[in-house]
Amino acid sequence: MAEQDAAVEVHRAEQANRYEVTVDGELAGFAAYEERDGRTYFTHTEVFDAFGGRGLGSVLAERALADAAGRDREIVPLCPFIDRYLRRHPDFSGRVARPGQA
């Protein structure tokens, strides 16, 4: 899990088409996406090396997916990290469209 003492926040940066995770206000990583036709396509997720091993990728994935689902978006996991997260956490299974599904 992410550090207890640090302030970890995730927000959607629409202009950059990505969700950003910050630790004490410092950018620690992001999940890039594209939106079209009622779907959010997650294309790449990255946590910077200096912030690795803290569980921030999972925090980022959970909050980004919750936001997309909360906005009534269908989730398409093109990013391997997001795909693995979704397979391990079936909470979002009703909102997921695998690549190639109509």
C-alpha atoms as a PDB file:
ATOM      1  CA  MET A   1       0.000   0.000   0.000  1.00  0.00           C
ATOM      2  CA  ALA A   2       1.098   3.579  -0.521  1.00  0.00           C
ATOM      3  CA  GLU A   3       3.002   5.370   2.217  1.00  0.00           C
ATOM      4  CA  GLN A   4       0.936   6.252   5.277  1.00  0.00           C
ATOM      5  CA  ASP A   5       2.670   9.555   6.080  1.00  0.00           C
ATOM      6  CA  ALA A   6       2.755  11.015   2.555  1.00  0.00           C
ATOM      7  CA  ALA A   7      -0.163  12.864   0.982  1.00  0.00           C
ATOM      8  CA  VAL A   8      -1.038  10.762  -2.079  1.00  0.00           C
ATOM      9  CA  GLU A   9      -3.504  12.279  -4.526  1.00  0.00           C
ATOM     10  CA  VAL A  10      -4.826  11.256  -7.925  1.00  0.00           C
ATOM     11  CA  HIS A  11      -6.515  13.673 -10.297  1.00  0.00           C
ATOM     12  CA  ARG A  12      -7.634  13.700 -13.913  1.00  0.00           C
ATOM     13  CA  ALA A  13      -5.569  16.106 -16.020  1.00  0.00           C
ATOM     14  CA  GLU A  14      -7.949  16.397 -18.967  1.00  0.00           C
ATOM     15  CA  GLN A  15      -5.691  18.682 -21.012  1.00  0.00           C
ATOM     16  CA  ALA A  16      -2.935  16.039 -20.897  1.00  0.00           C
ATOM     17  CA  ASN A  17      -5.312  13.063 -21.303  1.00  0.00           C
ATOM     18  CA  ARG A  18      -3.986  11.370 -18.222  1.00  0.00           C
ATOM     19  CA  TYR A  19      -4.571  10.709 -14.559  1.00  0.00           C
ATOM     20  CA  GLU A  20      -1.712  11.902 -12.393  1.00  0.00           C
ATOM     21  CA  VAL A  21      -0.605  10.604  -9.009  1.00  0.00           C
ATOM     22  CA  THR A  22       1.260  12.984  -6.729  1.00  0.00           C
ATOM     23  CA  VAL A  23       3.059  12.442  -3.441  1.00  0.00           C
ATOM     24  CA  ASP A  24       3.213  15.532  -1.259  1.00  0.00           C
ATOM     25  CA  GLY A  25       2.437  17.601  -4.363  1.00  0.00           C
ATOM     26  CA  GLU A  26       5.222  16.081  -6.496  1.00  0.00           C
ATOM     27  CA  LEU A  27       4.260  14.244  -9.690  1.00  0.00           C
ATOM     28  CA  ALA A  28       5.012  10.545  -9.145  1.00  0.00           C
ATOM     29  CA  GLY A  29       3.416   8.940 -12.198  1.00  0.00           C
ATOM     30  CA  PHE A  30       0.490   8.882 -14.589  1.00  0.00           C
ATOM     31  CA  ALA A  31      -2.006   6.735 -16.474  1.00  0.00           C
ATOM     32  CA  ALA A  32      -2.523   7.972 -20.033  1.00  0.00           C
ATOM     33  CA  TYR A  33      -5.892   7.536 -21.717  1.00  0.00           C
ATOM     34  CA  GLU A  34      -7.951   8.390 -24.776  1.00  0.00           C
ATOM     35  CA  GLU A  35     -11.710   8.962 -24.675  1.00  0.00           C
ATOM     36  CA  ARG A  36     -14.072   8.297 -27.545  1.00  0.00           C
ATOM     37  CA  ASP A  37     -17.495   6.756 -28.143  1.00  0.00           C
ATOM     38  CA  GLY A  38     -18.333   6.511 -24.434  1.00  0.00           C
ATOM     39  CA  ARG A  39     -15.158   4.568 -23.700  1.00  0.00           C
ATOM     40  CA  THR A  40     -11.946   5.371 -21.865  1.00  0.00           C
ATOM     41  CA  TYR A  41      -8.956   3.596 -23.421  1.00  0.00           C
ATOM     42  CA  PHE A  42      -6.094   3.286 -20.939  1.00  0.00           C
ATOM     43  CA  THR A  43      -2.934   3.261 -23.059  1.00  0.00           C
ATOM     44  CA  HIS A  44       0.049   3.558 -20.701  1.00  0.00           C
ATOM     45  CA  THR A  45       0.722   3.661 -16.967  1.00  0.00           C
ATOM     46  CA  GLU A  46       4.001   4.718 -15.409  1.00  0.00           C
ATOM     47  CA  VAL A  47       5.265   5.372 -11.887  1.00  0.00           C
ATOM     48  CA  PHE A  48       8.602   7.159 -11.875  1.00  0.00           C
ATOM     49  CA  ASP A  49      11.595   5.217 -10.518  1.00  0.00           C
ATOM     50  CA  ALA A  50      12.053   7.523  -7.528  1.00  0.00           C
ATOM     51  CA  PHE A  51       8.551   6.537  -6.349  1.00  0.00           C
ATOM     52  CA  GLY A  52       8.648   2.813  -7.166  1.00  0.00           C
ATOM     53  CA  GLY A  53       7.830   0.081  -4.676  1.00  0.00           C
ATOM     54  CA  ARG A  54       5.274   2.128  -2.735  1.00  0.00           C
ATOM     55  CA  GLY A  55       2.074   0.751  -4.236  1.00  0.00           C
ATOM     56  CA  LEU A  56       1.373   3.982  -6.098  1.00  0.00           C
ATOM     57  CA  GLY A  57       0.581   2.175  -9.352  1.00  0.00           C
ATOM     58  CA  SER A  58      -2.287   0.335  -7.693  1.00  0.00           C
ATOM     59  CA  VAL A  59      -3.577   3.513  -6.040  1.00  0.00           C
ATOM     60  CA  LEU A  60      -3.417   5.291  -9.399  1.00  0.00           C
ATOM     61  CA  ALA A  61      -5.176   2.445 -11.213  1.00  0.00           C
ATOM     62  CA  GLU A  62      -7.952   2.102  -8.632  1.00  0.00           C
ATOM     63  CA  ARG A  63      -8.749   5.805  -8.500  1.00  0.00           C
ATOM     64  CA  ALA A  64      -8.483   6.351 -12.264  1.00  0.00           C
ATOM     65  CA  LEU A  65     -10.759   3.391 -12.954  1.00  0.00           C
ATOM     66  CA  ALA A  66     -13.215   4.516 -10.272  1.00  0.00           C
ATOM     67  CA  ASP A  67     -13.344   7.969 -11.840  1.00  0.00           C
ATOM     68  CA  ALA A  68     -13.912   6.585 -15.348  1.00  0.00           C
ATOM     69  CA  ALA A  69     -16.619   4.211 -14.101  1.00  0.00           C
ATOM     70  CA  GLY A  70     -18.191   7.005 -12.066  1.00  0.00           C
ATOM     71  CA  ARG A  71     -18.475   9.079 -15.224  1.00  0.00           C
ATOM     72  CA  ASP A  72     -20.326   6.144 -16.861  1.00  0.00           C
ATOM     73  CA  ARG A  73     -17.418   5.320 -19.163  1.00  0.00           C
ATOM     74  CA  GLU A  74     -16.701   1.850 -20.484  1.00  0.00           C
ATOM     75  CA  ILE A  75     -13.080   0.899 -19.717  1.00  0.00           C
ATOM     76  CA  VAL A  76     -10.778  -0.537 -22.391  1.00  0.00           C
ATOM     77  CA  PRO A  77      -7.438  -1.718 -20.925  1.00  0.00           C
ATOM     78  CA  LEU A  78      -4.835  -1.377 -23.680  1.00  0.00           C
ATOM     79  CA  CYS A  79      -2.120  -0.845 -21.047  1.00  0.00           C
ATOM     80  CA  PRO A  80      -0.769  -4.144 -19.618  1.00  0.00           C
ATOM     81  CA  PHE A  81      -0.641  -2.729 -16.064  1.00  0.00           C
ATOM     82  CA  ILE A  82      -4.286  -1.626 -16.118  1.00  0.00           C
ATOM     83  CA  ASP A  83      -5.267  -4.945 -17.703  1.00  0.00           C
ATOM     84  CA  ARG A  84      -3.521  -6.905 -14.906  1.00  0.00           C
ATOM     85  CA  TYR A  85      -5.091  -4.668 -12.266  1.00  0.00           C
ATOM     86  CA  LEU A  86      -8.570  -5.281 -13.683  1.00  0.00           C
ATOM     87  CA  ARG A  87      -8.034  -9.057 -13.801  1.00  0.00           C
ATOM     88  CA  ARG A  88      -6.973  -9.029 -10.126  1.00  0.00           C
ATOM     89  CA  HIS A  89      -9.745  -6.638  -9.020  1.00  0.00           C
ATOM     90  CA  PRO A  90     -13.077  -7.665 -10.550  1.00  0.00           C
ATOM     91  CA  ASP A  91     -14.895  -4.665  -8.996  1.00  0.00           C
ATOM     92  CA  PHE A  92     -14.998  -2.992 -12.412  1.00  0.00           C
ATOM     93  CA  SER A  93     -15.816  -6.121 -14.481  1.00  0.00           C
ATOM     94  CA  GLY A  94     -19.210  -4.792 -15.564  1.00  0.00           C
ATOM     95  CA  ARG A  95     -17.542  -1.705 -17.075  1.00  0.00           C
ATOM     96  CA  VAL A  96     -14.722  -3.436 -18.988  1.00  0.00           C
ATOM     97  CA  ALA A  97     -14.560  -4.005 -22.739  1.00  0.00           C
ATOM     98  CA  ARG A  98     -11.540  -6.007 -23.824  1.00  0.00           C
ATOM     99  CA  PRO A  99      -9.721  -4.795 -26.951  1.00  0.00           C
ATOM    100  CA  GLY A 100     -11.505  -6.023 -30.062  1.00  0.00           C
ATOM    101  CA  GLN A 101     -14.948  -6.177 -28.416  1.00  0.00           C
ATOM    102  CA  ALA A 102     -17.653  -4.186 -30.168  1.00  0.00           C
END
